[in-house]
Amino acid sequence: MKKSDLYEIAIKILGIYLFVSAIDLLRDVLTNFAVLEQTKQKPEAYNNFNQLPFLVLSIANFVFIVSFASFLTFKTKAITKLVCIATDYQETASLFAERKVVYEITLMILGLILVIWSLPDFAYKLKTHIQMVQNDVPLKDYDTGFLWLSGIKIFIGILSALSARPLAELLGRETKQDTYK
């Protein structure tokens, strides 16, 4: 394995990690949206403070991170060309496993971490949601949204862990460009 291959692996792993962290940024967008809606209903509760800039910033942050993660994940070759010097393409580096195996391990660990971090939050939100329904307490849209978001994070984590091998095959496949180096 060439030294440049290690750069590609690291850059792609960073991009995948940013995709996962973008899920939490989506929660920030939903929170700011909910606060903006509450401000419209009861402006005096927030001293007529305009919440729109916070919503715009959270959306911009989310879009930026997703765009950057997409760039790192899908334009890895171009980034590697900028980062590596000519000798990195000839210099071999020893690694315990092939590229696809590293991706598979990373996706498995990433999926398990996502499930482990999201499960307590999901359980708490589900318990609260059930208690509110049983006590006929009116539900807020953002409470239900947060419950859904926690569930989606768990689903993505399980999906990542269960489909680590096919995703690793997809991420680690050789392109025509690789064969011409």
N, C-alpha and C. Protein backbone atom coordinates (compact mmCIF):
# COMPACT_ATOMS: atom_id res chain seq x y z
N MET A 1 0.85 -1.17 0.00
CA MET A 1 0.00 0.00 0.00
C MET A 1 0.89 1.23 0.00
N LYS A 2 0.56 2.16 -0.85
CA LYS A 2 1.34 3.39 -0.98
C LYS A 2 0.99 4.36 0.15
N LYS A 3 1.90 5.27 0.40
CA LYS A 3 1.67 6.28 1.42
C LYS A 3 0.47 7.16 1.04
N SER A 4 0.29 7.39 -0.23
CA SER A 4 -0.85 8.20 -0.69
C SER A 4 -2.17 7.50 -0.39
N ASP A 5 -2.17 6.17 -0.40
CA ASP A 5 -3.38 5.42 -0.05
C ASP A 5 -3.78 5.67 1.40
N LEU A 6 -2.81 5.79 2.28
CA LEU A 6 -3.11 6.09 3.68
C LEU A 6 -3.74 7.47 3.82
N TYR A 7 -3.24 8.43 3.03
CA TYR A 7 -3.87 9.75 3.04
C TYR A 7 -5.32 9.67 2.58
N GLU A 8 -5.56 8.90 1.53
CA GLU A 8 -6.93 8.75 1.03
C GLU A 8 -7.84 8.14 2.09
N ILE A 9 -7.36 7.13 2.76
CA ILE A 9 -8.16 6.47 3.80
C ILE A 9 -8.49 7.46 4.91
N ALA A 10 -7.49 8.19 5.37
CA ALA A 10 -7.71 9.14 6.47
C ALA A 10 -8.69 10.24 6.07
N ILE A 11 -8.55 10.76 4.86
CA ILE A 11 -9.44 11.83 4.40
C ILE A 11 -10.87 11.32 4.27
N LYS A 12 -11.04 10.14 3.74
CA LYS A 12 -12.39 9.57 3.58
C LYS A 12 -13.02 9.27 4.93
N ILE A 13 -12.24 8.78 5.88
CA ILE A 13 -12.76 8.52 7.22
C ILE A 13 -13.20 9.82 7.89
N LEU A 14 -12.43 10.88 7.71
CA LEU A 14 -12.82 12.19 8.25
C LEU A 14 -14.14 12.66 7.64
N GLY A 15 -14.30 12.46 6.34
CA GLY A 15 -15.55 12.84 5.69
C GLY A 15 -16.74 12.07 6.22
N ILE A 16 -16.56 10.78 6.42
CA ILE A 16 -17.65 9.95 6.96
C ILE A 16 -17.98 10.38 8.39
N TYR A 17 -16.96 10.67 9.18
CA TYR A 17 -17.19 11.15 10.54
C TYR A 17 -17.98 12.46 10.53
N LEU A 18 -17.66 13.35 9.62
CA LEU A 18 -18.38 14.62 9.53
C LEU A 18 -19.84 14.42 9.14
N PHE A 19 -20.12 13.41 8.30
CA PHE A 19 -21.51 13.09 7.97
C PHE A 19 -22.28 12.70 9.23
N VAL A 20 -21.65 11.88 10.05
CA VAL A 20 -22.31 11.45 11.29
C VAL A 20 -22.49 12.62 12.24
N SER A 21 -21.51 13.48 12.36
CA SER A 21 -21.64 14.63 13.25
C SER A 21 -22.66 15.64 12.72
N ALA A 22 -22.94 15.60 11.43
CA ALA A 22 -23.95 16.51 10.86
C ALA A 22 -25.35 16.16 11.36
N ILE A 23 -25.55 14.94 11.80
CA ILE A 23 -26.85 14.57 12.34
C ILE A 23 -27.16 15.40 13.58
N ASP A 24 -26.16 15.63 14.43
CA ASP A 24 -26.36 16.48 15.60
C ASP A 24 -26.62 17.93 15.20
N LEU A 25 -26.02 18.37 14.12
CA LEU A 25 -26.27 19.72 13.64
C LEU A 25 -27.70 19.88 13.15
N LEU A 26 -28.27 18.79 12.65
CA LEU A 26 -29.67 18.82 12.24
C LEU A 26 -30.57 19.06 13.46
N ARG A 27 -30.18 18.50 14.59
CA ARG A 27 -30.93 18.75 15.83
C ARG A 27 -30.88 20.23 16.18
N ASP A 28 -29.73 20.88 16.00
CA ASP A 28 -29.62 22.32 16.27
C ASP A 28 -30.55 23.12 15.36
N VAL A 29 -30.64 22.71 14.10
CA VAL A 29 -31.55 23.38 13.17
C VAL A 29 -32.99 23.25 13.65
N LEU A 30 -33.36 22.03 14.04
CA LEU A 30 -34.72 21.81 14.53
C LEU A 30 -35.01 22.60 15.81
N THR A 31 -34.02 22.68 16.70
CA THR A 31 -34.18 23.45 17.93
C THR A 31 -34.40 24.92 17.62
N ASN A 32 -33.57 25.47 16.75
CA ASN A 32 -33.70 26.88 16.40
C ASN A 32 -35.01 27.16 15.67
N PHE A 33 -35.45 26.22 14.87
CA PHE A 33 -36.73 26.37 14.20
C PHE A 33 -37.87 26.37 15.21
N ALA A 34 -37.80 25.47 16.19
CA ALA A 34 -38.84 25.41 17.23
C ALA A 34 -38.87 26.69 18.06
N VAL A 35 -37.70 27.20 18.41
CA VAL A 35 -37.64 28.44 19.18
C VAL A 35 -38.20 29.59 18.36
N LEU A 36 -37.91 29.63 17.08
CA LEU A 36 -38.45 30.68 16.21
C LEU A 36 -39.98 30.61 16.17
N GLU A 37 -40.52 29.40 16.08
CA GLU A 37 -41.97 29.23 16.07
C GLU A 37 -42.58 29.66 17.40
N GLN A 38 -41.91 29.34 18.49
CA GLN A 38 -42.40 29.78 19.80
C GLN A 38 -42.35 31.29 19.93
N THR A 39 -41.32 31.89 19.36
CA THR A 39 -41.19 33.34 19.41
C THR A 39 -42.33 34.01 18.65
N LYS A 40 -42.75 33.41 17.55
CA LYS A 40 -43.88 33.96 16.79
C LYS A 40 -45.17 33.87 17.58
N GLN A 41 -45.34 32.79 18.37
CA GLN A 41 -46.56 32.62 19.14
C GLN A 41 -46.57 33.48 20.39
N LYS A 42 -45.44 33.59 21.07
CA LYS A 42 -45.34 34.38 22.30
C LYS A 42 -44.08 35.24 22.25
N PRO A 43 -44.10 36.35 21.53
CA PRO A 43 -42.88 37.17 21.42
C PRO A 43 -42.43 37.75 22.76
N GLU A 44 -43.37 37.98 23.67
CA GLU A 44 -42.99 38.57 24.96
C GLU A 44 -42.16 37.60 25.81
N ALA A 45 -42.29 36.30 25.57
CA ALA A 45 -41.51 35.31 26.32
C ALA A 45 -40.02 35.42 26.02
N TYR A 46 -39.69 35.94 24.87
CA TYR A 46 -38.29 36.09 24.46
C TYR A 46 -37.89 37.56 24.34
N ASN A 47 -38.65 38.42 25.01
CA ASN A 47 -38.38 39.87 24.99
C ASN A 47 -38.28 40.41 23.57
N ASN A 48 -39.13 39.90 22.69
CA ASN A 48 -39.15 40.31 21.28
C ASN A 48 -37.79 40.15 20.59
N PHE A 49 -36.99 39.22 21.07
CA PHE A 49 -35.66 38.96 20.51
C PHE A 49 -35.81 38.14 19.23
N ASN A 50 -35.21 38.61 18.15
CA ASN A 50 -35.32 37.96 16.85
C ASN A 50 -34.46 36.69 16.82
N GLN A 51 -35.12 35.55 16.64
CA GLN A 51 -34.43 34.27 16.62
C GLN A 51 -34.02 33.84 15.21
N LEU A 52 -34.45 34.57 14.19
CA LEU A 52 -34.17 34.19 12.80
C LEU A 52 -32.68 34.08 12.49
N PRO A 53 -31.83 35.00 12.97
CA PRO A 53 -30.40 34.85 12.67
C PRO A 53 -29.81 33.52 13.18
N PHE A 54 -30.29 33.06 14.33
CA PHE A 54 -29.79 31.79 14.87
C PHE A 54 -30.21 30.62 13.99
N LEU A 55 -31.43 30.68 13.48
CA LEU A 55 -31.90 29.64 12.57
C LEU A 55 -31.07 29.64 11.29
N VAL A 56 -30.85 30.82 10.75
CA VAL A 56 -30.07 30.94 9.51
C VAL A 56 -28.65 30.43 9.72
N LEU A 57 -28.04 30.79 10.85
CA LEU A 57 -26.67 30.33 11.14
C LEU A 57 -26.62 28.81 11.33
N SER A 58 -27.61 28.25 12.00
CA SER A 58 -27.59 26.80 12.20
C SER A 58 -27.79 26.06 10.88
N ILE A 59 -28.64 26.60 10.01
CA ILE A 59 -28.82 25.99 8.68
C ILE A 59 -27.54 26.12 7.86
N ALA A 60 -26.92 27.29 7.91
CA ALA A 60 -25.68 27.50 7.17
C ALA A 60 -24.58 26.58 7.68
N ASN A 61 -24.48 26.41 8.99
CA ASN A 61 -23.49 25.51 9.57
C ASN A 61 -23.74 24.07 9.12
N PHE A 62 -24.99 23.63 9.15
CA PHE A 62 -25.35 22.29 8.72
C PHE A 62 -24.98 22.07 7.25
N VAL A 63 -25.35 23.02 6.41
CA VAL A 63 -25.07 22.90 4.97
C VAL A 63 -23.56 22.90 4.73
N PHE A 64 -22.82 23.73 5.45
CA PHE A 64 -21.38 23.79 5.28
C PHE A 64 -20.73 22.45 5.66
N ILE A 65 -21.11 21.89 6.80
CA ILE A 65 -20.51 20.63 7.25
C ILE A 65 -20.86 19.50 6.30
N VAL A 66 -22.11 19.44 5.85
CA VAL A 66 -22.51 18.38 4.91
C VAL A 66 -21.75 18.55 3.59
N SER A 67 -21.61 19.79 3.13
CA SER A 67 -20.86 20.03 1.89
C SER A 67 -19.40 19.65 2.04
N PHE A 68 -18.80 20.02 3.16
CA PHE A 68 -17.40 19.69 3.40
C PHE A 68 -17.22 18.18 3.53
N ALA A 69 -18.14 17.52 4.22
CA ALA A 69 -18.08 16.07 4.36
C ALA A 69 -18.21 15.40 3.00
N SER A 70 -19.10 15.92 2.16
CA SER A 70 -19.27 15.38 0.80
C SER A 70 -17.98 15.55 0.00
N PHE A 71 -17.38 16.71 0.12
CA PHE A 71 -16.14 16.98 -0.59
C PHE A 71 -15.04 16.02 -0.14
N LEU A 72 -14.90 15.85 1.18
CA LEU A 72 -13.86 14.94 1.69
C LEU A 72 -14.12 13.50 1.29
N THR A 73 -15.38 13.09 1.27
CA THR A 73 -15.71 11.70 1.00
C THR A 73 -15.66 11.38 -0.49
N PHE A 74 -16.17 12.27 -1.31
CA PHE A 74 -16.32 11.95 -2.73
C PHE A 74 -15.25 12.56 -3.63
N LYS A 75 -14.44 13.45 -3.13
CA LYS A 75 -13.34 14.05 -3.91
C LYS A 75 -12.00 13.77 -3.26
N THR A 76 -11.88 12.58 -2.70
CA THR A 76 -10.68 12.20 -1.97
C THR A 76 -9.44 12.23 -2.86
N LYS A 77 -9.57 11.78 -4.08
CA LYS A 77 -8.41 11.74 -5.00
C LYS A 77 -7.84 13.15 -5.24
N ALA A 78 -8.75 14.10 -5.46
CA ALA A 78 -8.30 15.48 -5.73
C ALA A 78 -7.60 16.06 -4.50
N ILE A 79 -8.12 15.79 -3.33
CA ILE A 79 -7.50 16.29 -2.10
C ILE A 79 -6.14 15.64 -1.89
N THR A 80 -6.07 14.35 -2.16
CA THR A 80 -4.81 13.62 -2.00
C THR A 80 -3.74 14.19 -2.92
N LYS A 81 -4.13 14.55 -4.13
CA LYS A 81 -3.17 15.14 -5.06
C LYS A 81 -2.62 16.46 -4.53
N LEU A 82 -3.45 17.22 -3.81
CA LEU A 82 -3.00 18.49 -3.24
C LEU A 82 -2.09 18.27 -2.03
N VAL A 83 -2.36 17.23 -1.27
CA VAL A 83 -1.65 16.99 -0.03
C VAL A 83 -0.35 16.23 -0.23
N CYS A 84 -0.35 15.27 -1.12
CA CYS A 84 0.80 14.38 -1.30
C CYS A 84 1.85 15.00 -2.22
N ILE A 85 3.09 14.59 -1.96
CA ILE A 85 4.17 14.93 -2.87
C ILE A 85 4.42 13.71 -3.76
N ALA A 86 5.22 13.86 -4.77
CA ALA A 86 5.42 12.79 -5.76
C ALA A 86 5.93 11.50 -5.14
N THR A 87 6.78 11.60 -4.15
CA THR A 87 7.33 10.37 -3.55
C THR A 87 6.28 9.58 -2.77
N ASP A 88 5.22 10.25 -2.33
CA ASP A 88 4.16 9.55 -1.59
C ASP A 88 3.45 8.52 -2.44
N TYR A 89 3.51 8.69 -3.76
CA TYR A 89 2.85 7.73 -4.66
C TYR A 89 3.73 6.51 -4.93
N GLN A 90 5.05 6.62 -4.63
CA GLN A 90 5.93 5.47 -4.81
C GLN A 90 6.29 4.80 -3.49
N GLU A 91 6.36 5.59 -2.43
CA GLU A 91 6.76 5.10 -1.13
C GLU A 91 5.70 4.16 -0.56
N THR A 92 6.13 2.98 -0.18
CA THR A 92 5.16 2.05 0.39
C THR A 92 5.12 2.23 1.91
N ALA A 93 3.94 2.05 2.43
CA ALA A 93 3.74 2.13 3.87
C ALA A 93 3.10 0.83 4.32
N SER A 94 3.62 0.30 5.39
CA SER A 94 3.04 -0.96 5.85
C SER A 94 1.87 -0.68 6.76
N LEU A 95 0.81 -1.40 6.51
CA LEU A 95 -0.41 -1.28 7.29
C LEU A 95 -0.91 -2.68 7.54
N PHE A 96 -1.55 -2.90 8.63
CA PHE A 96 -1.97 -4.24 8.99
C PHE A 96 -3.05 -4.80 8.08
N ALA A 97 -3.73 -3.95 7.32
CA ALA A 97 -4.85 -4.44 6.52
C ALA A 97 -4.97 -3.62 5.23
N GLU A 98 -5.75 -4.15 4.31
CA GLU A 98 -6.02 -3.46 3.06
C GLU A 98 -7.00 -2.31 3.29
N ARG A 99 -7.12 -1.47 2.30
CA ARG A 99 -7.96 -0.29 2.35
C ARG A 99 -9.41 -0.65 2.71
N LYS A 100 -9.97 -1.64 2.06
CA LYS A 100 -11.37 -2.02 2.28
C LYS A 100 -11.59 -2.51 3.70
N VAL A 101 -10.61 -3.20 4.25
CA VAL A 101 -10.73 -3.70 5.63
C VAL A 101 -10.73 -2.54 6.61
N VAL A 102 -9.90 -1.54 6.36
CA VAL A 102 -9.85 -0.36 7.23
C VAL A 102 -11.20 0.37 7.18
N TYR A 103 -11.75 0.52 5.99
CA TYR A 103 -13.07 1.15 5.86
C TYR A 103 -14.14 0.34 6.60
N GLU A 104 -14.09 -0.96 6.46
CA GLU A 104 -15.08 -1.82 7.12
C GLU A 104 -15.00 -1.69 8.63
N ILE A 105 -13.79 -1.72 9.17
CA ILE A 105 -13.61 -1.57 10.61
C ILE A 105 -14.10 -0.20 11.07
N THR A 106 -13.77 0.83 10.32
CA THR A 106 -14.18 2.18 10.66
C THR A 106 -15.70 2.32 10.65
N LEU A 107 -16.34 1.80 9.61
CA LEU A 107 -17.80 1.89 9.53
C LEU A 107 -18.47 1.10 10.66
N MET A 108 -17.92 -0.03 11.00
CA MET A 108 -18.47 -0.83 12.10
C MET A 108 -18.35 -0.06 13.42
N ILE A 109 -17.19 0.47 13.70
CA ILE A 109 -16.97 1.23 14.94
C ILE A 109 -17.83 2.49 14.96
N LEU A 110 -17.89 3.18 13.84
CA LEU A 110 -18.70 4.40 13.74
C LEU A 110 -20.17 4.09 14.00
N GLY A 111 -20.66 3.01 13.42
CA GLY A 111 -22.06 2.62 13.63
C GLY A 111 -22.33 2.28 15.09
N LEU A 112 -21.44 1.52 15.70
CA LEU A 112 -21.63 1.14 17.09
C LEU A 112 -21.56 2.34 18.02
N ILE A 113 -20.64 3.25 17.76
CA ILE A 113 -20.54 4.47 18.57
C ILE A 113 -21.81 5.30 18.43
N LEU A 114 -22.32 5.42 17.22
CA LEU A 114 -23.54 6.19 17.01
C LEU A 114 -24.71 5.58 17.77
N VAL A 115 -24.84 4.27 17.75
CA VAL A 115 -25.92 3.60 18.48
C VAL A 115 -25.73 3.81 19.99
N ILE A 116 -24.52 3.62 20.47
CA ILE A 116 -24.25 3.74 21.91
C ILE A 116 -24.51 5.16 22.40
N TRP A 117 -24.11 6.17 21.63
CA TRP A 117 -24.33 7.56 22.04
C TRP A 117 -25.81 7.95 21.94
N SER A 118 -26.54 7.38 21.00
CA SER A 118 -27.92 7.79 20.76
C SER A 118 -28.94 7.03 21.59
N LEU A 119 -28.63 5.82 22.00
CA LEU A 119 -29.60 4.98 22.69
C LEU A 119 -30.11 5.59 24.00
N PRO A 120 -29.25 6.11 24.88
CA PRO A 120 -29.78 6.70 26.12
C PRO A 120 -30.69 7.90 25.85
N ASP A 121 -30.32 8.73 24.91
CA ASP A 121 -31.12 9.89 24.54
C ASP A 121 -32.48 9.45 23.99
N PHE A 122 -32.46 8.44 23.14
CA PHE A 122 -33.70 7.92 22.56
C PHE A 122 -34.60 7.33 23.66
N ALA A 123 -34.01 6.54 24.56
CA ALA A 123 -34.79 5.92 25.63
C ALA A 123 -35.43 6.99 26.52
N TYR A 124 -34.67 8.02 26.87
CA TYR A 124 -35.20 9.09 27.72
C TYR A 124 -36.33 9.84 27.00
N LYS A 125 -36.11 10.18 25.74
CA LYS A 125 -37.14 10.91 24.99
C LYS A 125 -38.39 10.05 24.77
N LEU A 126 -38.21 8.77 24.54
CA LEU A 126 -39.35 7.87 24.37
C LEU A 126 -40.14 7.74 25.67
N LYS A 127 -39.44 7.60 26.79
CA LYS A 127 -40.09 7.52 28.10
C LYS A 127 -40.88 8.79 28.37
N THR A 128 -40.28 9.94 28.12
CA THR A 128 -40.95 11.22 28.32
C THR A 128 -42.16 11.35 27.40
N HIS A 129 -42.01 10.95 26.17
CA HIS A 129 -43.10 11.02 25.19
C HIS A 129 -44.28 10.15 25.65
N ILE A 130 -43.99 8.94 26.09
CA ILE A 130 -45.04 8.03 26.55
C ILE A 130 -45.74 8.59 27.78
N GLN A 131 -44.96 9.15 28.72
CA GLN A 131 -45.55 9.74 29.92
C GLN A 131 -46.46 10.92 29.56
N MET A 132 -46.04 11.73 28.61
CA MET A 132 -46.85 12.89 28.20
C MET A 132 -48.15 12.44 27.54
N VAL A 133 -48.06 11.40 26.72
CA VAL A 133 -49.26 10.88 26.06
C VAL A 133 -50.21 10.28 27.09
N GLN A 134 -49.68 9.52 28.04
CA GLN A 134 -50.52 8.90 29.06
C GLN A 134 -51.19 9.93 29.97
N ASN A 135 -50.53 11.04 30.21
CA ASN A 135 -51.07 12.09 31.08
C ASN A 135 -51.82 13.18 30.31
N ASP A 136 -52.07 12.94 29.04
CA ASP A 136 -52.79 13.89 28.18
C ASP A 136 -52.16 15.29 28.17
N VAL A 137 -50.83 15.33 28.26
CA VAL A 137 -50.11 16.59 28.16
C VAL A 137 -49.93 16.89 26.68
N PRO A 138 -50.21 18.12 26.26
CA PRO A 138 -50.05 18.41 24.83
C PRO A 138 -48.58 18.28 24.41
N LEU A 139 -48.38 17.65 23.27
CA LEU A 139 -47.03 17.42 22.75
C LEU A 139 -46.61 18.57 21.86
N LYS A 140 -45.36 18.89 21.94
CA LYS A 140 -44.77 19.90 21.06
C LYS A 140 -44.16 19.20 19.86
N ASP A 141 -44.21 19.86 18.71
CA ASP A 141 -43.65 19.27 17.49
C ASP A 141 -42.16 18.98 17.63
N TYR A 142 -41.45 19.88 18.32
CA TYR A 142 -40.01 19.67 18.42
C TYR A 142 -39.67 18.48 19.33
N ASP A 143 -40.53 18.19 20.34
CA ASP A 143 -40.29 17.00 21.16
C ASP A 143 -40.37 15.74 20.31
N THR A 144 -41.41 15.67 19.48
CA THR A 144 -41.57 14.52 18.59
C THR A 144 -40.43 14.48 17.58
N GLY A 145 -40.02 15.64 17.10
CA GLY A 145 -38.90 15.71 16.14
C GLY A 145 -37.60 15.20 16.75
N PHE A 146 -37.35 15.54 18.01
CA PHE A 146 -36.14 15.05 18.67
C PHE A 146 -36.18 13.55 18.87
N LEU A 147 -37.36 13.03 19.16
CA LEU A 147 -37.52 11.58 19.30
C LEU A 147 -37.22 10.90 17.96
N TRP A 148 -37.77 11.44 16.89
CA TRP A 148 -37.51 10.90 15.56
C TRP A 148 -36.03 10.99 15.22
N LEU A 149 -35.40 12.11 15.53
CA LEU A 149 -33.99 12.30 15.22
C LEU A 149 -33.12 11.28 15.96
N SER A 150 -33.43 11.03 17.22
CA SER A 150 -32.68 10.01 17.96
C SER A 150 -32.88 8.64 17.33
N GLY A 151 -34.11 8.35 16.92
CA GLY A 151 -34.38 7.08 16.26
C GLY A 151 -33.64 6.95 14.94
N ILE A 152 -33.58 8.04 14.19
CA ILE A 152 -32.86 8.02 12.92
C ILE A 152 -31.37 7.79 13.15
N LYS A 153 -30.81 8.39 14.19
CA LYS A 153 -29.40 8.17 14.50
C LYS A 153 -29.13 6.70 14.83
N ILE A 154 -30.03 6.10 15.60
CA ILE A 154 -29.87 4.69 15.93
C ILE A 154 -29.98 3.84 14.66
N PHE A 155 -30.95 4.16 13.82
CA PHE A 155 -31.13 3.42 12.57
C PHE A 155 -29.89 3.52 11.69
N ILE A 156 -29.34 4.73 11.54
CA ILE A 156 -28.14 4.92 10.72
C ILE A 156 -26.96 4.16 11.33
N GLY A 157 -26.84 4.17 12.65
CA GLY A 157 -25.76 3.43 13.31
C GLY A 157 -25.87 1.94 13.07
N ILE A 158 -27.09 1.40 13.21
CA ILE A 158 -27.30 -0.04 12.97
C ILE A 158 -27.05 -0.36 11.50
N LEU A 159 -27.55 0.50 10.61
CA LEU A 159 -27.34 0.29 9.18
C LEU A 159 -25.86 0.32 8.83
N SER A 160 -25.12 1.25 9.42
CA SER A 160 -23.68 1.33 9.18
C SER A 160 -22.96 0.08 9.67
N ALA A 161 -23.34 -0.39 10.85
CA ALA A 161 -22.68 -1.58 11.39
C ALA A 161 -23.03 -2.83 10.59
N LEU A 162 -24.30 -2.97 10.21
CA LEU A 162 -24.71 -4.17 9.48
C LEU A 162 -24.24 -4.19 8.03
N SER A 163 -24.10 -3.01 7.44
CA SER A 163 -23.69 -2.97 6.03
C SER A 163 -22.27 -2.43 5.88
N ALA A 164 -21.44 -2.65 6.89
CA ALA A 164 -20.07 -2.14 6.84
C ALA A 164 -19.29 -2.73 5.67
N ARG A 165 -19.45 -4.04 5.43
CA ARG A 165 -18.69 -4.69 4.36
C ARG A 165 -19.08 -4.16 2.98
N PRO A 166 -20.38 -4.10 2.60
CA PRO A 166 -20.71 -3.56 1.27
C PRO A 166 -20.33 -2.08 1.11
N LEU A 167 -20.50 -1.31 2.20
CA LEU A 167 -20.11 0.10 2.12
C LEU A 167 -18.59 0.23 1.96
N ALA A 168 -17.84 -0.62 2.64
CA ALA A 168 -16.39 -0.60 2.51
C ALA A 168 -15.97 -0.97 1.10
N GLU A 169 -16.67 -1.93 0.50
CA GLU A 169 -16.40 -2.30 -0.90
C GLU A 169 -16.63 -1.10 -1.81
N LEU A 170 -17.71 -0.38 -1.55
CA LEU A 170 -18.04 0.80 -2.35
C LEU A 170 -17.01 1.91 -2.18
N LEU A 171 -16.61 2.17 -0.94
CA LEU A 171 -15.64 3.22 -0.68
C LEU A 171 -14.23 2.85 -1.13
N GLY A 172 -13.90 1.57 -1.07
CA GLY A 172 -12.54 1.14 -1.37
C GLY A 172 -12.33 0.63 -2.77
N ARG A 173 -13.33 0.75 -3.62
CA ARG A 173 -13.17 0.20 -4.97
C ARG A 173 -12.13 0.99 -5.76
N GLU A 174 -11.45 0.27 -6.61
CA GLU A 174 -10.42 0.86 -7.46
C GLU A 174 -11.10 1.49 -8.68
N THR A 175 -10.67 2.69 -9.02
CA THR A 175 -11.21 3.35 -10.20
C THR A 175 -10.18 3.27 -11.32
N LYS A 176 -10.61 3.64 -12.50
CA LYS A 176 -9.68 3.63 -13.64
C LYS A 176 -8.50 4.55 -13.37
N GLN A 177 -8.79 5.64 -12.66
CA GLN A 177 -7.75 6.61 -12.35
C GLN A 177 -6.65 5.96 -11.49
N ASP A 178 -7.03 5.03 -10.59
CA ASP A 178 -6.06 4.36 -9.74
C ASP A 178 -5.09 3.50 -10.53
N THR A 179 -5.58 2.89 -11.59
CA THR A 179 -4.73 1.98 -12.34
C THR A 179 -3.70 2.69 -13.21
N TYR A 180 -3.87 3.97 -13.41
CA TYR A 180 -2.93 4.73 -14.26
C TYR A 180 -1.82 5.42 -13.47
N LYS A 181 -1.75 5.24 -12.18
CA LYS A 181 -0.73 5.91 -11.37
C LYS A 181 0.65 5.39 -11.71
